Amino acid sequence: QVQLVESGGGLVQPGGSLRLSCAASGFTFSNAAMSWYRQGTGKERELVATISMIGGRPNYSDSVKGRFTISRDNARSTAYLQMNSLKPEDTAMYYCNAVILGLGPYWGQGTQVTVSS
């Protein structure tokens, strides 16, 4: 069955960096478009970044453009989100999302990111 497991969240000071990972299993990873979403307390879930099946054409929300980078390693069945210049407003639960040849979406359980001094 499809499984997505996020890791790499934690507490970081403003201006710091974190790298999130999403380990995938149960499907052919190269057949999936991968995305990262986030949901802050009392807020709706929002799309942060997405990357196509072969790693091209990444797209970012305006709020993270220039600070976050989405990538993937199809050989390792893993997607990443490199987050730099973190701000308190980036505090949220971050979720990995997969759409596999048009099916899904499938979600991971999330990893918490807290940006605070």
PDB file of N, CA and C in Angstrom:
ATOM      1  N   GLN A   1       0.851  -1.182   0.000  1.00  0.00           N
ATOM      2  CA  GLN A   1       0.000   0.000   0.000  1.00  0.00           C
ATOM      3  C   GLN A   1       0.886   1.231   0.000  1.00  0.00           C
ATOM      4  N   VAL A   2       0.315   2.329  -0.472  1.00  0.00           N
ATOM      5  CA  VAL A   2       1.061   3.578  -0.542  1.00  0.00           C
ATOM      6  C   VAL A   2       1.381   4.077   0.866  1.00  0.00           C
ATOM      7  N   GLN A   3       2.640   4.414   1.074  1.00  0.00           N
ATOM      8  CA  GLN A   3       3.055   4.962   2.364  1.00  0.00           C
ATOM      9  C   GLN A   3       4.006   6.125   2.126  1.00  0.00           C
ATOM     10  N   LEU A   4       3.765   7.213   2.821  1.00  0.00           N
ATOM     11  CA  LEU A   4       4.618   8.400   2.782  1.00  0.00           C
ATOM     12  C   LEU A   4       4.989   8.749   4.213  1.00  0.00           C
ATOM     13  N   VAL A   5       6.281   8.848   4.482  1.00  0.00           N
ATOM     14  CA  VAL A   5       6.746   9.121   5.830  1.00  0.00           C
ATOM     15  C   VAL A   5       7.642  10.347   5.815  1.00  0.00           C
ATOM     16  N   GLU A   6       7.163  11.410   6.466  1.00  0.00           N
ATOM     17  CA  GLU A   6       7.937  12.645   6.540  1.00  0.00           C
ATOM     18  C   GLU A   6       8.869  12.618   7.744  1.00  0.00           C
ATOM     19  N   SER A   7       9.981  13.335   7.610  1.00  0.00           N
ATOM     20  CA  SER A   7      10.912  13.505   8.721  1.00  0.00           C
ATOM     21  C   SER A   7      11.683  14.800   8.515  1.00  0.00           C
ATOM     22  N   GLY A   8      12.400  15.222   9.571  1.00  0.00           N
ATOM     23  CA  GLY A   8      13.263  16.384   9.454  1.00  0.00           C
ATOM     24  C   GLY A   8      12.729  17.656  10.089  1.00  0.00           C
ATOM     25  N   GLY A   9      11.504  17.614  10.593  1.00  0.00           N
ATOM     26  CA  GLY A   9      10.969  18.793  11.254  1.00  0.00           C
ATOM     27  C   GLY A   9      11.629  19.029  12.601  1.00  0.00           C
ATOM     28  N   GLY A  10      11.295  20.167  13.201  1.00  0.00           N
ATOM     29  CA  GLY A  10      11.846  20.484  14.515  1.00  0.00           C
ATOM     30  C   GLY A  10      11.720  21.949  14.834  1.00  0.00           C
ATOM     31  N   LEU A  11      12.425  22.358  15.871  1.00  0.00           N
ATOM     32  CA  LEU A  11      12.438  23.750  16.317  1.00  0.00           C
ATOM     33  C   LEU A  11      13.686  24.433  15.773  1.00  0.00           C
ATOM     34  N   VAL A  12      13.503  25.582  15.151  1.00  0.00           N
ATOM     35  CA  VAL A  12      14.625  26.320  14.574  1.00  0.00           C
ATOM     36  C   VAL A  12      14.399  27.810  14.804  1.00  0.00           C
ATOM     37  N   GLN A  13      15.487  28.540  14.941  1.00  0.00           N
ATOM     38  CA  GLN A  13      15.389  29.988  15.132  1.00  0.00           C
ATOM     39  C   GLN A  13      15.099  30.684  13.807  1.00  0.00           C
ATOM     40  N   PRO A  14      14.485  31.859  13.859  1.00  0.00           N
ATOM     41  CA  PRO A  14      14.284  32.630  12.630  1.00  0.00           C
ATOM     42  C   PRO A  14      15.602  32.832  11.884  1.00  0.00           C
ATOM     43  N   GLY A  15      15.526  32.671  10.573  1.00  0.00           N
ATOM     44  CA  GLY A  15      16.725  32.756   9.753  1.00  0.00           C
ATOM     45  C   GLY A  15      17.428  31.436   9.551  1.00  0.00           C
ATOM     46  N   GLY A  16      17.018  30.431  10.285  1.00  0.00           N
ATOM     47  CA  GLY A  16      17.649  29.121  10.183  1.00  0.00           C
ATOM     48  C   GLY A  16      17.137  28.297   9.024  1.00  0.00           C
ATOM     49  N   SER A  17      17.630  27.060   8.957  1.00  0.00           N
ATOM     50  CA  SER A  17      17.299  26.160   7.858  1.00  0.00           C
ATOM     51  C   SER A  17      16.900  24.790   8.382  1.00  0.00           C
ATOM     52  N   LEU A  18      16.067  24.125   7.621  1.00  0.00           N
ATOM     53  CA  LEU A  18      15.707  22.736   7.868  1.00  0.00           C
ATOM     54  C   LEU A  18      15.550  22.045   6.523  1.00  0.00           C
ATOM     55  N   ARG A  19      15.779  20.733   6.533  1.00  0.00           N
ATOM     56  CA  ARG A  19      15.544  19.936   5.335  1.00  0.00           C
ATOM     57  C   ARG A  19      14.565  18.831   5.682  1.00  0.00           C
ATOM     58  N   LEU A  20      13.411  18.858   5.046  1.00  0.00           N
ATOM     59  CA  LEU A  20      12.409  17.820   5.247  1.00  0.00           C
ATOM     60  C   LEU A  20      12.598  16.723   4.213  1.00  0.00           C
ATOM     61  N   SER A  21      12.325  15.493   4.624  1.00  0.00           N
ATOM     62  CA  SER A  21      12.369  14.351   3.727  1.00  0.00           C
ATOM     63  C   SER A  21      11.022  13.648   3.736  1.00  0.00           C
ATOM     64  N   CYS A  22      10.693  13.051   2.610  1.00  0.00           N
ATOM     65  CA  CYS A  22       9.471  12.249   2.470  1.00  0.00           C
ATOM     66  C   CYS A  22       9.867  10.933   1.826  1.00  0.00           C
ATOM     67  N   ALA A  23       9.909   9.877   2.622  1.00  0.00           N
ATOM     68  CA  ALA A  23      10.258   8.556   2.123  1.00  0.00           C
ATOM     69  C   ALA A  23       8.994   7.847   1.644  1.00  0.00           C
ATOM     70  N   ALA A  24       9.005   7.405   0.398  1.00  0.00           N
ATOM     71  CA  ALA A  24       7.827   6.791  -0.215  1.00  0.00           C
ATOM     72  C   ALA A  24       8.021   5.299  -0.412  1.00  0.00           C
ATOM     73  N   SER A  25       6.930   4.555  -0.315  1.00  0.00           N
ATOM     74  CA  SER A  25       6.960   3.127  -0.576  1.00  0.00           C
ATOM     75  C   SER A  25       5.578   2.673  -1.026  1.00  0.00           C
ATOM     76  N   GLY A  26       5.545   1.490  -1.637  1.00  0.00           N
ATOM     77  CA  GLY A  26       4.264   0.920  -2.047  1.00  0.00           C
ATOM     78  C   GLY A  26       3.817   1.309  -3.437  1.00  0.00           C
ATOM     79  N   PHE A  27       4.641   2.050  -4.158  1.00  0.00           N
ATOM     80  CA  PHE A  27       4.309   2.435  -5.525  1.00  0.00           C
ATOM     81  C   PHE A  27       5.587   2.806  -6.251  1.00  0.00           C
ATOM     82  N   THR A  28       5.486   2.964  -7.561  1.00  0.00           N
ATOM     83  CA  THR A  28       6.640   3.368  -8.373  1.00  0.00           C
ATOM     84  C   THR A  28       6.799   4.877  -8.242  1.00  0.00           C
ATOM     85  N   PHE A  29       7.831   5.273  -7.511  1.00  0.00           N
ATOM     86  CA  PHE A  29       7.990   6.676  -7.136  1.00  0.00           C
ATOM     87  C   PHE A  29       8.069   7.597  -8.358  1.00  0.00           C
ATOM     88  N   SER A  30       8.707   7.138  -9.414  1.00  0.00           N
ATOM     89  CA  SER A  30       8.881   7.987 -10.593  1.00  0.00           C
ATOM     90  C   SER A  30       7.570   8.224 -11.338  1.00  0.00           C
ATOM     91  N   ASN A  31       6.503   7.546 -10.937  1.00  0.00           N
ATOM     92  CA  ASN A  31       5.187   7.759 -11.534  1.00  0.00           C
ATOM     93  C   ASN A  31       4.359   8.810 -10.794  1.00  0.00           C
ATOM     94  N   ALA A  32       4.953   9.419  -9.768  1.00  0.00           N
ATOM     95  CA  ALA A  32       4.189  10.321  -8.910  1.00  0.00           C
ATOM     96  C   ALA A  32       4.685  11.754  -9.001  1.00  0.00           C
ATOM     97  N   ALA A  33       3.752  12.679  -9.124  1.00  0.00           N
ATOM     98  CA  ALA A  33       4.056  14.073  -8.876  1.00  0.00           C
ATOM     99  C   ALA A  33       4.024  14.267  -7.365  1.00  0.00           C
ATOM    100  N   MET A  34       5.028  14.951  -6.837  1.00  0.00           N
ATOM    101  CA  MET A  34       5.155  15.093  -5.389  1.00  0.00           C
ATOM    102  C   MET A  34       4.983  16.558  -4.984  1.00  0.00           C
ATOM    103  N   SER A  35       4.365  16.752  -3.853  1.00  0.00           N
ATOM    104  CA  SER A  35       4.139  18.103  -3.354  1.00  0.00           C
ATOM    105  C   SER A  35       4.343  18.141  -1.848  1.00  0.00           C
ATOM    106  N   TRP A  36       4.588  19.329  -1.364  1.00  0.00           N
ATOM    107  CA  TRP A  36       4.594  19.617   0.069  1.00  0.00           C
ATOM    108  C   TRP A  36       3.490  20.630   0.356  1.00  0.00           C
ATOM    109  N   TYR A  37       2.727  20.341   1.392  1.00  0.00           N
ATOM    110  CA  TYR A  37       1.700  21.236   1.892  1.00  0.00           C
ATOM    111  C   TYR A  37       2.042  21.566   3.349  1.00  0.00           C
ATOM    112  N   ARG A  38       1.395  22.596   3.847  1.00  0.00           N
ATOM    113  CA  ARG A  38       1.542  22.904   5.267  1.00  0.00           C
ATOM    114  C   ARG A  38       0.228  23.424   5.823  1.00  0.00           C
ATOM    115  N   GLN A  39       0.086  23.251   7.130  1.00  0.00           N
ATOM    116  CA  GLN A  39      -1.124  23.728   7.806  1.00  0.00           C
ATOM    117  C   GLN A  39      -0.747  24.270   9.166  1.00  0.00           C
ATOM    118  N   GLY A  40      -0.906  25.575   9.329  1.00  0.00           N
ATOM    119  CA  GLY A  40      -0.676  26.204  10.619  1.00  0.00           C
ATOM    120  C   GLY A  40      -1.898  26.074  11.505  1.00  0.00           C
ATOM    121  N   THR A  41      -1.717  26.318  12.782  1.00  0.00           N
ATOM    122  CA  THR A  41      -2.820  26.212  13.736  1.00  0.00           C
ATOM    123  C   THR A  41      -3.930  27.192  13.372  1.00  0.00           C
ATOM    124  N   GLY A  42      -5.138  26.669  13.212  1.00  0.00           N
ATOM    125  CA  GLY A  42      -6.278  27.512  12.874  1.00  0.00           C
ATOM    126  C   GLY A  42      -6.319  27.975  11.435  1.00  0.00           C
ATOM    127  N   LYS A  43      -5.443  27.414  10.606  1.00  0.00           N
ATOM    128  CA  LYS A  43      -5.396  27.826   9.201  1.00  0.00           C
ATOM    129  C   LYS A  43      -5.740  26.653   8.291  1.00  0.00           C
ATOM    130  N   GLU A  44      -6.058  26.972   7.046  1.00  0.00           N
ATOM    131  CA  GLU A  44      -6.314  25.933   6.070  1.00  0.00           C
ATOM    132  C   GLU A  44      -4.985  25.377   5.535  1.00  0.00           C
ATOM    133  N   ARG A  45      -5.043  24.145   5.072  1.00  0.00           N
ATOM    134  CA  ARG A  45      -3.856  23.546   4.470  1.00  0.00           C
ATOM    135  C   ARG A  45      -3.551  24.265   3.159  1.00  0.00           C
ATOM    136  N   GLU A  46      -2.277  24.591   2.945  1.00  0.00           N
ATOM    137  CA  GLU A  46      -1.893  25.322   1.742  1.00  0.00           C
ATOM    138  C   GLU A  46      -0.758  24.601   1.022  1.00  0.00           C
ATOM    139  N   LEU A  47      -0.751  24.721  -0.289  1.00  0.00           N
ATOM    140  CA  LEU A  47       0.301  24.151  -1.109  1.00  0.00           C
ATOM    141  C   LEU A  47       1.560  24.997  -0.969  1.00  0.00           C
ATOM    142  N   VAL A  48       2.674  24.330  -0.714  1.00  0.00           N
ATOM    143  CA  VAL A  48       3.966  25.006  -0.572  1.00  0.00           C
ATOM    144  C   VAL A  48       4.783  24.869  -1.848  1.00  0.00           C
ATOM    145  N   ALA A  49       4.919  23.640  -2.343  1.00  0.00           N
ATOM    146  CA  ALA A  49       5.759  23.405  -3.512  1.00  0.00           C
ATOM    147  C   ALA A  49       5.353  22.086  -4.153  1.00  0.00           C
ATOM    148  N   THR A  50       5.596  21.990  -5.452  1.00  0.00           N
ATOM    149  CA  THR A  50       5.306  20.763  -6.173  1.00  0.00           C
ATOM    150  C   THR A  50       6.379  20.523  -7.212  1.00  0.00           C
ATOM    151  N   ILE A  51       6.603  19.232  -7.529  1.00  0.00           N
ATOM    152  CA  ILE A  51       7.616  18.869  -8.501  1.00  0.00           C
ATOM    153  C   ILE A  51       7.076  17.722  -9.343  1.00  0.00           C
ATOM    154  N   SER A  52       7.394  17.743 -10.631  1.00  0.00           N
ATOM    155  CA  SER A  52       6.856  16.744 -11.538  1.00  0.00           C
ATOM    156  C   SER A  52       7.566  15.396 -11.368  1.00  0.00           C
ATOM    157  N   MET A  53       7.096  14.402 -12.127  1.00  0.00           N
ATOM    158  CA  MET A  53       7.572  13.031 -11.961  1.00  0.00           C
ATOM    159  C   MET A  53       9.074  12.879 -12.198  1.00  0.00           C
ATOM    160  N   ILE A  54       9.606  13.630 -13.151  1.00  0.00           N
ATOM    161  CA  ILE A  54      11.028  13.488 -13.464  1.00  0.00           C
ATOM    162  C   ILE A  54      11.854  14.597 -12.844  1.00  0.00           C
ATOM    163  N   GLY A  55      11.257  15.411 -12.026  1.00  0.00           N
ATOM    164  CA  GLY A  55      12.010  16.412 -11.283  1.00  0.00           C
ATOM    165  C   GLY A  55      12.048  17.794 -11.898  1.00  0.00           C
ATOM    166  N   GLY A  56      11.428  17.956 -13.022  1.00  0.00           N
ATOM    167  CA  GLY A  56      11.427  19.270 -13.635  1.00  0.00           C
ATOM    168  C   GLY A  56      10.241  20.103 -13.195  1.00  0.00           C
ATOM    169  N   ARG A  57      10.226  21.352 -13.623  1.00  0.00           N
ATOM    170  CA  ARG A  57       9.107  22.276 -13.433  1.00  0.00           C
ATOM    171  C   ARG A  57       8.641  22.369 -11.982  1.00  0.00           C
ATOM    172  N   PRO A  58       9.530  22.634 -11.025  1.00  0.00           N
ATOM    173  CA  PRO A  58       9.040  22.878  -9.667  1.00  0.00           C
ATOM    174  C   PRO A  58       8.239  24.171  -9.607  1.00  0.00           C
ATOM    175  N   ASN A  59       7.256  24.185  -8.754  1.00  0.00           N
ATOM    176  CA  ASN A  59       6.445  25.381  -8.543  1.00  0.00           C
ATOM    177  C   ASN A  59       6.352  25.654  -7.050  1.00  0.00           C
ATOM    178  N   TYR A  60       6.287  26.931  -6.717  1.00  0.00           N
ATOM    179  CA  TYR A  60       6.289  27.342  -5.317  1.00  0.00           C
ATOM    180  C   TYR A  60       5.193  28.366  -5.057  1.00  0.00           C
ATOM    181  N   SER A  61       4.707  28.359  -3.832  1.00  0.00           N
ATOM    182  CA  SER A  61       3.814  29.433  -3.423  1.00  0.00           C
ATOM    183  C   SER A  61       4.621  30.726  -3.311  1.00  0.00           C
ATOM    184  N   ASP A  62       3.958  31.830  -3.465  1.00  0.00           N
ATOM    185  CA  ASP A  62       4.658  33.121  -3.396  1.00  0.00           C
ATOM    186  C   ASP A  62       5.313  33.325  -2.034  1.00  0.00           C
ATOM    187  N   SER A  63       4.727  32.753  -1.001  1.00  0.00           N
ATOM    188  CA  SER A  63       5.232  32.977   0.354  1.00  0.00           C
ATOM    189  C   SER A  63       6.576  32.293   0.615  1.00  0.00           C
ATOM    190  N   VAL A  64       6.947  31.309  -0.204  1.00  0.00           N
ATOM    191  CA  VAL A  64       8.205  30.595   0.035  1.00  0.00           C
ATOM    192  C   VAL A  64       9.178  30.710  -1.129  1.00  0.00           C
ATOM    193  N   LYS A  65       8.748  31.300  -2.224  1.00  0.00           N
ATOM    194  CA  LYS A  65       9.594  31.395  -3.407  1.00  0.00           C
ATOM    195  C   LYS A  65      10.897  32.106  -3.070  1.00  0.00           C
ATOM    196  N   GLY A  66      12.012  31.519  -3.514  1.00  0.00           N
ATOM    197  CA  GLY A  66      13.325  32.075  -3.240  1.00  0.00           C
ATOM    198  C   GLY A  66      13.938  31.621  -1.926  1.00  0.00           C
ATOM    199  N   ARG A  67      13.145  30.974  -1.071  1.00  0.00           N
ATOM    200  CA  ARG A  67      13.649  30.487   0.221  1.00  0.00           C
ATOM    201  C   ARG A  67      13.614  28.967   0.319  1.00  0.00           C
ATOM    202  N   PHE A  68      12.624  28.350  -0.293  1.00  0.00           N
ATOM    203  CA  PHE A  68      12.452  26.897  -0.224  1.00  0.00           C
ATOM    204  C   PHE A  68      12.799  26.281  -1.578  1.00  0.00           C
ATOM    205  N   THR A  69      13.310  25.042  -1.531  1.00  0.00           N
ATOM    206  CA  THR A  69      13.609  24.299  -2.746  1.00  0.00           C
ATOM    207  C   THR A  69      13.081  22.874  -2.609  1.00  0.00           C
ATOM    208  N   ILE A  70      12.244  22.466  -3.554  1.00  0.00           N
ATOM    209  CA  ILE A  70      11.758  21.092  -3.586  1.00  0.00           C
ATOM    210  C   ILE A  70      12.632  20.286  -4.549  1.00  0.00           C
ATOM    211  N   SER A  71      12.904  19.046  -4.180  1.00  0.00           N
ATOM    212  CA  SER A  71      13.693  18.170  -5.044  1.00  0.00           C
ATOM    213  C   SER A  71      13.250  16.734  -4.811  1.00  0.00           C
ATOM    214  N   ARG A  72      13.769  15.838  -5.630  1.00  0.00           N
ATOM    215  CA  ARG A  72      13.432  14.430  -5.488  1.00  0.00           C
ATOM    216  C   ARG A  72      14.592  13.588  -5.941  1.00  0.00           C
ATOM    217  N   ASP A  73      14.682  12.398  -5.373  1.00  0.00           N
ATOM    218  CA  ASP A  73      15.668  11.405  -5.765  1.00  0.00           C
ATOM    219  C   ASP A  73      14.882  10.142  -6.094  1.00  0.00           C
ATOM    220  N   ASN A  74      14.652   9.915  -7.369  1.00  0.00           N
ATOM    221  CA  ASN A  74      13.827   8.773  -7.756  1.00  0.00           C
ATOM    222  C   ASN A  74      14.493   7.435  -7.414  1.00  0.00           C
ATOM    223  N   ALA A  75      15.811   7.407  -7.386  1.00  0.00           N
ATOM    224  CA  ALA A  75      16.514   6.171  -7.026  1.00  0.00           C
ATOM    225  C   ALA A  75      16.299   5.810  -5.550  1.00  0.00           C
ATOM    226  N   ARG A  76      16.087   6.822  -4.725  1.00  0.00           N
ATOM    227  CA  ARG A  76      15.867   6.606  -3.286  1.00  0.00           C
ATOM    228  C   ARG A  76      14.394   6.701  -2.901  1.00  0.00           C
ATOM    229  N   SER A  77      13.516   6.950  -3.883  1.00  0.00           N
ATOM    230  CA  SER A  77      12.071   7.099  -3.614  1.00  0.00           C
ATOM    231  C   SER A  77      11.833   8.113  -2.505  1.00  0.00           C
ATOM    232  N   THR A  78      12.494   9.242  -2.602  1.00  0.00           N
ATOM    233  CA  THR A  78      12.415  10.255  -1.557  1.00  0.00           C
ATOM    234  C   THR A  78      12.274  11.638  -2.175  1.00  0.00           C
ATOM    235  N   ALA A  79      11.409  12.432  -1.577  1.00  0.00           N
ATOM    236  CA  ALA A  79      11.277  13.843  -1.930  1.00  0.00           C
ATOM    237  C   ALA A  79      11.800  14.680  -0.769  1.00  0.00           C
ATOM    238  N   TYR A  80      12.259  15.871  -1.102  1.00  0.00           N
ATOM    239  CA  TYR A  80      12.868  16.748  -0.100  1.00  0.00           C
ATOM    240  C   TYR A  80      12.282  18.153  -0.198  1.00  0.00           C
ATOM    241  N   LEU A  81      12.361  18.851   0.917  1.00  0.00           N
ATOM    242  CA  LEU A  81      12.046  20.265   0.929  1.00  0.00           C
ATOM    243  C   LEU A  81      13.129  20.963   1.749  1.00  0.00           C
ATOM    244  N   GLN A  82      14.008  21.676   1.064  1.00  0.00           N
ATOM    245  CA  GLN A  82      15.039  22.468   1.732  1.00  0.00           C
ATOM    246  C   GLN A  82      14.450  23.831   2.053  1.00  0.00           C
ATOM    247  N   MET A  83      14.463  24.191   3.320  1.00  0.00           N
ATOM    248  CA  MET A  83      13.853  25.438   3.770  1.00  0.00           C
ATOM    249  C   MET A  83      14.928  26.329   4.381  1.00  0.00           C
ATOM    250  N   ASN A  84      15.167  27.460   3.768  1.00  0.00           N
ATOM    251  CA  ASN A  84      16.161  28.424   4.247  1.00  0.00           C
ATOM    252  C   ASN A  84      15.475  29.718   4.661  1.00  0.00           C
ATOM    253  N   SER A  85      16.198  30.533   5.398  1.00  0.00           N
ATOM    254  CA  SER A  85      15.681  31.843   5.838  1.00  0.00           C
ATOM    255  C   SER A  85      14.289  31.707   6.451  1.00  0.00           C
ATOM    256  N   LEU A  86      14.167  30.765   7.346  1.00  0.00           N
ATOM    257  CA  LEU A  86      12.857  30.475   7.926  1.00  0.00           C
ATOM    258  C   LEU A  86      12.337  31.641   8.765  1.00  0.00           C
ATOM    259  N   LYS A  87      11.023  31.808   8.716  1.00  0.00           N
ATOM    260  CA  LYS A  87      10.344  32.888   9.424  1.00  0.00           C
ATOM    261  C   LYS A  87       9.325  32.276  10.398  1.00  0.00           C
ATOM    262  N   PRO A  88       8.949  33.012  11.428  1.00  0.00           N
ATOM    263  CA  PRO A  88       7.934  32.490  12.351  1.00  0.00           C
ATOM    264  C   PRO A  88       6.638  32.083  11.634  1.00  0.00           C
ATOM    265  N   GLU A  89       6.303  32.773  10.576  1.00  0.00           N
ATOM    266  CA  GLU A  89       5.068  32.434   9.845  1.00  0.00           C
ATOM    267  C   GLU A  89       5.179  31.130   9.046  1.00  0.00           C
ATOM    268  N   ASP A  90       6.359  30.556   8.982  1.00  0.00           N
ATOM    269  CA  ASP A  90       6.521  29.235   8.364  1.00  0.00           C
ATOM    270  C   ASP A  90       6.159  28.107   9.335  1.00  0.00           C
ATOM    271  N   THR A  91       5.906  28.451  10.585  1.00  0.00           N
ATOM    272  CA  THR A  91       5.533  27.440  11.574  1.00  0.00           C
ATOM    273  C   THR A  91       4.247  26.740  11.163  1.00  0.00           C
ATOM    274  N   ALA A  92       4.301  25.419  11.064  1.00  0.00           N
ATOM    275  CA  ALA A  92       3.157  24.638  10.609  1.00  0.00           C
ATOM    276  C   ALA A  92       3.504  23.155  10.661  1.00  0.00           C
ATOM    277  N   MET A  93       2.478  22.341  10.475  1.00  0.00           N
ATOM    278  CA  MET A  93       2.687  20.932  10.194  1.00  0.00           C
ATOM    279  C   MET A  93       2.876  20.814   8.686  1.00  0.00           C
ATOM    280  N   TYR A  94       3.935  20.152   8.280  1.00  0.00           N
ATOM    281  CA  TYR A  94       4.248  19.996   6.862  1.00  0.00           C
ATOM    282  C   TYR A  94       3.917  18.569   6.426  1.00  0.00           C
ATOM    283  N   TYR A  95       3.198  18.479   5.312  1.00  0.00           N
ATOM    284  CA  TYR A  95       2.725  17.187   4.805  1.00  0.00           C
ATOM    285  C   TYR A  95       3.271  16.930   3.407  1.00  0.00           C
ATOM    286  N   CYS A  96       3.636  15.688   3.185  1.00  0.00           N
ATOM    287  CA  CYS A  96       4.031  15.209   1.873  1.00  0.00           C
ATOM    288  C   CYS A  96       2.784  14.687   1.152  1.00  0.00           C
ATOM    289  N   ASN A  97       2.740  14.902  -0.138  1.00  0.00           N
ATOM    290  CA  ASN A  97       1.569  14.553  -0.947  1.00  0.00           C
ATOM    291  C   ASN A  97       2.038  13.926  -2.248  1.00  0.00           C
ATOM    292  N   ALA A  98       1.374  12.844  -2.655  1.00  0.00           N
ATOM    293  CA  ALA A  98       1.707  12.190  -3.918  1.00  0.00           C
ATOM    294  C   ALA A  98       0.449  12.002  -4.757  1.00  0.00           C
ATOM    295  N   VAL A  99       0.566  12.289  -6.038  1.00  0.00           N
ATOM    296  CA  VAL A  99      -0.471  11.977  -7.018  1.00  0.00           C
ATOM    297  C   VAL A  99       0.174  11.036  -8.029  1.00  0.00           C
ATOM    298  N   ILE A 100      -0.339   9.812  -8.086  1.00  0.00           N
ATOM    299  CA  ILE A 100       0.314   8.743  -8.831  1.00  0.00           C
ATOM    300  C   ILE A 100      -0.475   8.469 -10.099  1.00  0.00           C
ATOM    301  N   LEU A 101       0.054   8.914 -11.214  1.00  0.00           N
ATOM    302  CA  LEU A 101      -0.608   8.748 -12.527  1.00  0.00           C
ATOM    303  C   LEU A 101      -2.074   9.179 -12.433  1.00  0.00           C
ATOM    304  N   GLY A 102      -2.301  10.297 -11.799  1.00  0.00           N
ATOM    305  CA  GLY A 102      -3.636  10.852 -11.678  1.00  0.00           C
ATOM    306  C   GLY A 102      -4.460  10.331 -10.525  1.00  0.00           C
ATOM    307  N   LEU A 103      -3.968   9.336  -9.817  1.00  0.00           N
ATOM    308  CA  LEU A 103      -4.693   8.768  -8.672  1.00  0.00           C
ATOM    309  C   LEU A 103      -4.201   9.388  -7.369  1.00  0.00           C
ATOM    310  N   GLY A 104      -5.117   9.534  -6.473  1.00  0.00           N
ATOM    311  CA  GLY A 104      -4.786  10.098  -5.166  1.00  0.00           C
ATOM    312  C   GLY A 104      -5.573  11.379  -4.940  1.00  0.00           C
ATOM    313  N   PRO A 105      -5.140  12.289  -4.097  1.00  0.00           N
ATOM    314  CA  PRO A 105      -3.790  12.319  -3.545  1.00  0.00           C
ATOM    315  C   PRO A 105      -3.621  11.423  -2.330  1.00  0.00           C
ATOM    316  N   TYR A 106      -2.404  11.059  -2.076  1.00  0.00           N
ATOM    317  CA  TYR A 106      -2.018  10.310  -0.895  1.00  0.00           C
ATOM    318  C   TYR A 106      -1.210  11.239   0.005  1.00  0.00           C
ATOM    319  N   TRP A 107      -1.400  11.046   1.326  1.00  0.00           N
ATOM    320  CA  TRP A 107      -0.787  11.949   2.290  1.00  0.00           C
ATOM    321  C   TRP A 107       0.059  11.195   3.305  1.00  0.00           C
ATOM    322  N   GLY A 108       1.092  11.862   3.771  1.00  0.00           N
ATOM    323  CA  GLY A 108       1.842  11.366   4.913  1.00  0.00           C
ATOM    324  C   GLY A 108       1.214  11.866   6.199  1.00  0.00           C
ATOM    325  N   GLN A 109       1.850  11.531   7.330  1.00  0.00           N
ATOM    326  CA  GLN A 109       1.293  11.880   8.633  1.00  0.00           C
ATOM    327  C   GLN A 109       1.716  13.272   9.092  1.00  0.00           C
ATOM    328  N   GLY A 110       2.697  13.843   8.419  1.00  0.00           N
ATOM    329  CA  GLY A 110       3.138  15.197   8.726  1.00  0.00           C
ATOM    330  C   GLY A 110       4.336  15.256   9.650  1.00  0.00           C
ATOM    331  N   THR A 111       5.064  16.358   9.557  1.00  0.00           N
ATOM    332  CA  THR A 111       6.185  16.638  10.460  1.00  0.00           C
ATOM    333  C   THR A 111       6.090  18.108  10.865  1.00  0.00           C
ATOM    334  N   GLN A 112       6.248  18.363  12.157  1.00  0.00           N
ATOM    335  CA  GLN A 112       6.047  19.718  12.685  1.00  0.00           C
ATOM    336  C   GLN A 112       7.299  20.562  12.519  1.00  0.00           C
ATOM    337  N   VAL A 113       7.113  21.766  12.021  1.00  0.00           N
ATOM    338  CA  VAL A 113       8.177  22.756  11.931  1.00  0.00           C
ATOM    339  C   VAL A 113       7.768  23.958  12.778  1.00  0.00           C
ATOM    340  N   THR A 114       8.633  24.327  13.710  1.00  0.00           N
ATOM    341  CA  THR A 114       8.374  25.475  14.570  1.00  0.00           C
ATOM    342  C   THR A 114       9.543  26.445  14.460  1.00  0.00           C
ATOM    343  N   VAL A 115       9.251  27.679  14.071  1.00  0.00           N
ATOM    344  CA  VAL A 115      10.275  28.707  13.918  1.00  0.00           C
ATOM    345  C   VAL A 115      10.056  29.743  15.018  1.00  0.00           C
ATOM    346  N   SER A 116      10.973  29.754  15.955  1.00  0.00           N
ATOM    347  CA  SER A 116      10.809  30.616  17.123  1.00  0.00           C
ATOM    348  C   SER A 116      12.157  30.878  17.770  1.00  0.00           C
ATOM    349  N   SER A 117      12.288  32.073  18.337  1.00  0.00           N
ATOM    350  CA  SER A 117      13.499  32.388  19.086  1.00  0.00           C
ATOM    351  C   SER A 117      13.304  32.089  20.570  1.00  0.00           C
TER     352      SER A 117
END
